[in-house]
Protein backbone atom coordinates (compact mmCIF):
# COMPACT_ATOMS: atom_id res chain seq x y z
CA LEU A 1 0.00 0.00 0.00
CA ARG A 2 2.80 2.40 0.85
CA ASP A 3 4.48 1.68 -2.50
CA ARG A 4 1.23 2.40 -4.33
CA LEU A 5 0.72 5.64 -2.42
CA ASP A 6 4.32 6.70 -3.03
CA ALA A 7 3.95 5.90 -6.72
CA ALA A 8 0.71 7.90 -6.89
CA THR A 9 2.57 11.04 -5.81
CA ALA A 10 5.04 10.95 -8.72
CA ALA A 11 4.96 14.22 -10.64
CA GLU A 12 5.13 12.63 -14.11
CA LEU A 13 1.87 10.69 -13.69
CA THR A 14 -1.31 11.70 -15.43
CA CYS A 15 -4.46 12.27 -13.41
CA GLU A 16 -5.95 8.99 -14.65
CA THR A 17 -2.86 6.97 -13.68
CA ARG A 18 -2.71 8.64 -10.26
CA ALA A 19 -6.41 7.86 -9.70
CA ALA A 20 -5.81 4.23 -10.72
CA TYR A 21 -3.04 3.88 -8.11
CA LEU A 22 -5.24 5.40 -5.42
CA ASP A 23 -8.24 3.26 -6.37
CA ALA A 24 -6.07 0.12 -6.20
CA GLY A 25 -4.92 1.12 -2.71
CA ASP A 26 -8.50 1.76 -1.61
CA LEU A 27 -9.62 -1.62 -2.97
CA ALA A 28 -6.76 -3.38 -1.14
CA VAL A 29 -7.80 -1.77 2.15
CA GLN A 30 -11.44 -2.75 1.65
CA ARG A 31 -10.51 -6.37 0.84
CA GLY A 32 -8.23 -6.50 3.87
CA THR A 33 -11.02 -5.49 6.24
CA GLN A 34 -14.02 -7.12 4.56
CA GLY A 35 -16.10 -9.29 6.82
CA ILE A 36 -15.81 -7.47 10.15
CA THR A 37 -19.37 -7.27 11.50
CA VAL A 38 -21.50 -6.16 14.40
CA PRO A 39 -23.81 -9.19 14.82
CA PRO A 40 -27.48 -8.21 14.57
CA GLY A 41 -29.97 -8.75 17.37
CA GLN A 42 -27.79 -7.67 20.28
CA ALA A 43 -29.94 -6.48 23.19
CA PHE A 44 -29.06 -5.49 26.75
CA THR A 45 -31.06 -4.72 29.86
CA LEU A 46 -29.62 -2.25 32.37
CA THR A 47 -30.93 -2.89 35.88
CA SER A 48 -28.88 -0.11 37.46
CA ARG A 49 -28.18 3.44 36.35
CA SER A 50 -24.55 2.67 35.44
CA ALA A 51 -23.27 -0.50 33.80
CA ASP A 52 -20.98 -1.87 31.13
CA LEU A 53 -22.46 -2.47 27.70
CA GLN A 54 -20.78 -5.61 26.33
CA LEU A 55 -20.63 -5.10 22.59
CA ARG A 56 -19.85 -8.13 20.39
CA ILE A 57 -17.87 -7.66 17.17
CA ASP A 58 -16.85 -10.49 14.83
CA ASN A 59 -13.47 -10.46 13.06
CA PRO A 60 -13.31 -13.32 10.51
CA LEU A 61 -9.91 -12.16 9.25
CA GLY A 62 -6.93 -14.27 10.14
CA HIS A 63 -5.14 -11.34 11.77
CA ASN A 64 -5.67 -8.51 14.23
CA ALA A 65 -7.63 -5.54 12.90
CA HIS A 66 -7.21 -2.01 14.24
CA VAL A 67 -10.57 -0.23 14.18
CA LEU A 68 -12.25 2.86 15.59
CA VAL A 69 -15.53 1.98 17.37
CA ARG A 70 -18.10 4.75 17.70
CA LEU A 71 -21.42 4.56 19.56
CA GLU A 72 -24.30 6.99 19.08
CA SER A 73 -27.46 7.01 21.16
CA ASP A 74 -30.41 9.20 21.94
CA THR A 75 -30.53 11.31 25.08
CA ARG A 76 -31.59 8.40 27.32
CA LEU A 77 -28.06 7.00 27.51
CA GLU A 78 -24.79 8.70 28.41
CA LEU A 79 -21.34 7.41 27.52
CA PRO A 80 -19.20 8.78 30.39
CA GLU A 81 -15.90 7.51 28.94
CA GLY A 82 -16.63 8.85 25.48
CA ALA A 83 -18.46 7.59 22.42
CA GLU A 84 -15.38 6.73 20.39
CA ARG A 85 -12.54 4.32 21.11
CA PRO A 86 -9.71 2.73 19.10
CA VAL A 87 -9.74 -1.06 19.48
CA VAL A 88 -7.63 -3.98 18.27
CA LEU A 89 -9.89 -6.84 17.20
CA ALA A 90 -8.40 -10.31 17.54
CA PRO A 91 -9.55 -12.98 15.07
CA GLY A 92 -12.93 -14.39 16.08
CA GLU A 93 -15.55 -12.89 18.38
CA ASN A 94 -14.50 -9.87 20.45
CA VAL A 95 -16.38 -8.41 23.42
CA ILE A 96 -15.76 -4.73 24.10
CA ASP A 97 -17.05 -3.06 27.25
CA PHE A 98 -18.43 0.47 27.02
CA ALA A 99 -19.49 2.22 30.21
CA VAL A 100 -23.04 3.58 29.92
CA ARG A 101 -25.29 5.53 32.27
CA ALA A 102 -29.07 5.56 31.93
CA ARG A 103 -30.71 8.97 32.25
CA SER A 104 -34.22 7.54 32.19
CA THR A 105 -36.06 4.26 31.96
CA GLY A 106 -37.14 2.84 28.64
CA ALA A 107 -35.65 1.45 25.45
CA SER A 108 -32.91 3.06 23.38
CA GLN A 109 -31.30 2.26 20.08
CA VAL A 110 -27.48 2.50 20.00
CA ASP A 111 -25.89 2.87 16.56
CA VAL A 112 -22.47 1.19 16.27
CA THR A 113 -20.00 2.28 13.59
CA LEU A 114 -16.64 0.65 12.87
CA ARG A 115 -14.11 2.63 10.84
CA THR A 116 -10.43 2.48 10.03
CA PRO A 117 -8.27 4.10 12.75
CA ASP A 118 -8.12 7.38 10.81
CA GLY A 119 -11.92 7.35 10.44
CA ALA A 120 -11.73 7.49 6.64
CA ILE A 121 -13.23 4.11 5.66
CA LEU A 122 -16.45 2.64 6.99
CA LEU A 123 -15.92 -1.05 7.86
CA ALA A 124 -19.21 -2.06 9.48
CA GLU A 125 -22.38 -0.71 11.01
CA GLY A 126 -24.93 -2.17 13.37
CA GLN A 127 -27.49 -1.43 16.03
CA VAL A 128 -27.84 -2.56 19.61
CA ARG A 129 -31.04 -2.30 21.64
CA VAL A 130 -30.62 -1.18 25.24
CA ARG A 131 -33.47 -1.28 27.73
CA SER A 132 -33.16 0.42 31.10
CA THR A 133 -35.28 -0.69 34.02
CA ALA A 134 -33.39 1.36 36.62
CA LEU A 135 -35.40 3.91 38.54
CA THR A 136 -34.15 7.45 38.07
CA GLY A 137 -34.54 10.33 40.52
CA VAL A 138 -37.67 11.62 38.80
CA ALA A 139 -39.29 8.16 38.89
CA LEU A 140 -38.51 7.80 42.60
CA VAL A 141 -40.01 11.22 43.42
CA LEU A 142 -43.18 10.53 41.40
CA GLY A 143 -43.55 7.05 42.89
CA GLY A 144 -43.00 8.35 46.43
CA GLY A 145 -45.53 11.15 45.88
CA ALA A 146 -48.12 8.67 44.62
CA ILE A 147 -47.62 6.46 47.68
CA ILE A 148 -48.05 9.44 50.04
CA VAL A 149 -51.29 10.50 48.30
CA LEU A 150 -52.60 6.95 48.53
CA LEU A 151 -51.74 6.64 52.25
CA VAL A 152 -53.45 9.98 53.04
CA TRP A 153 -56.54 8.90 51.12
CA TRP A 154 -56.68 5.55 52.96
CA ALA A 155 -56.23 7.25 56.34
CA ARG A 156 -59.13 9.62 55.60
CA GLN A 157 -61.35 6.71 54.49
CA ILE A 158 -60.62 4.77 57.68
CA ALA A 159 -61.17 7.85 59.87
CA ALA A 160 -64.51 8.58 58.15
CA LYS A 161 -65.76 5.03 58.88
CA ARG A 162 -64.86 5.27 62.59
CA ARG A 163 -66.68 8.57 63.23
CA PRO A 164 -70.14 8.07 64.72
CA ARG A 165 -72.94 9.19 62.50
CA PRO A 166 -75.25 11.84 63.93
CA ALA A 167 -78.67 10.58 65.15
CA ALA A 168 -81.64 11.60 63.09
């Protein structure tokens, strides 16, 4: 690849020849990374506000692959250690831990993108479904308020039944 790139910078080349060298280099990179995938159907359930998302990535190549992993999510999930990380994928299945923090309960879709280390070439894309069942501060306050209202209502009902009714 370096020889092709060096040759492509020669001053005596025509534009078409230079483009052919660069296209050949691009094709070699794509063939060398073809097959890396984010397996579909990955789903996680977070039972606490903070946890590690264990992302699976398959590398069918017979050698290590250096990639840049990027996660994107809606506002329900935070990535406290950052959304992007360079990773070396060993041949076979790799499990990469990403720290996540749930801002609210519910389901979120996390988009996973794998690129070359410089970010120039897209290698693979996928989606991971994350469901959070952890109670957030707002949910605790609302739940606590509902319980207080219910207890006050029950106390008033019981007190009303114990009062003697006036004689007619």
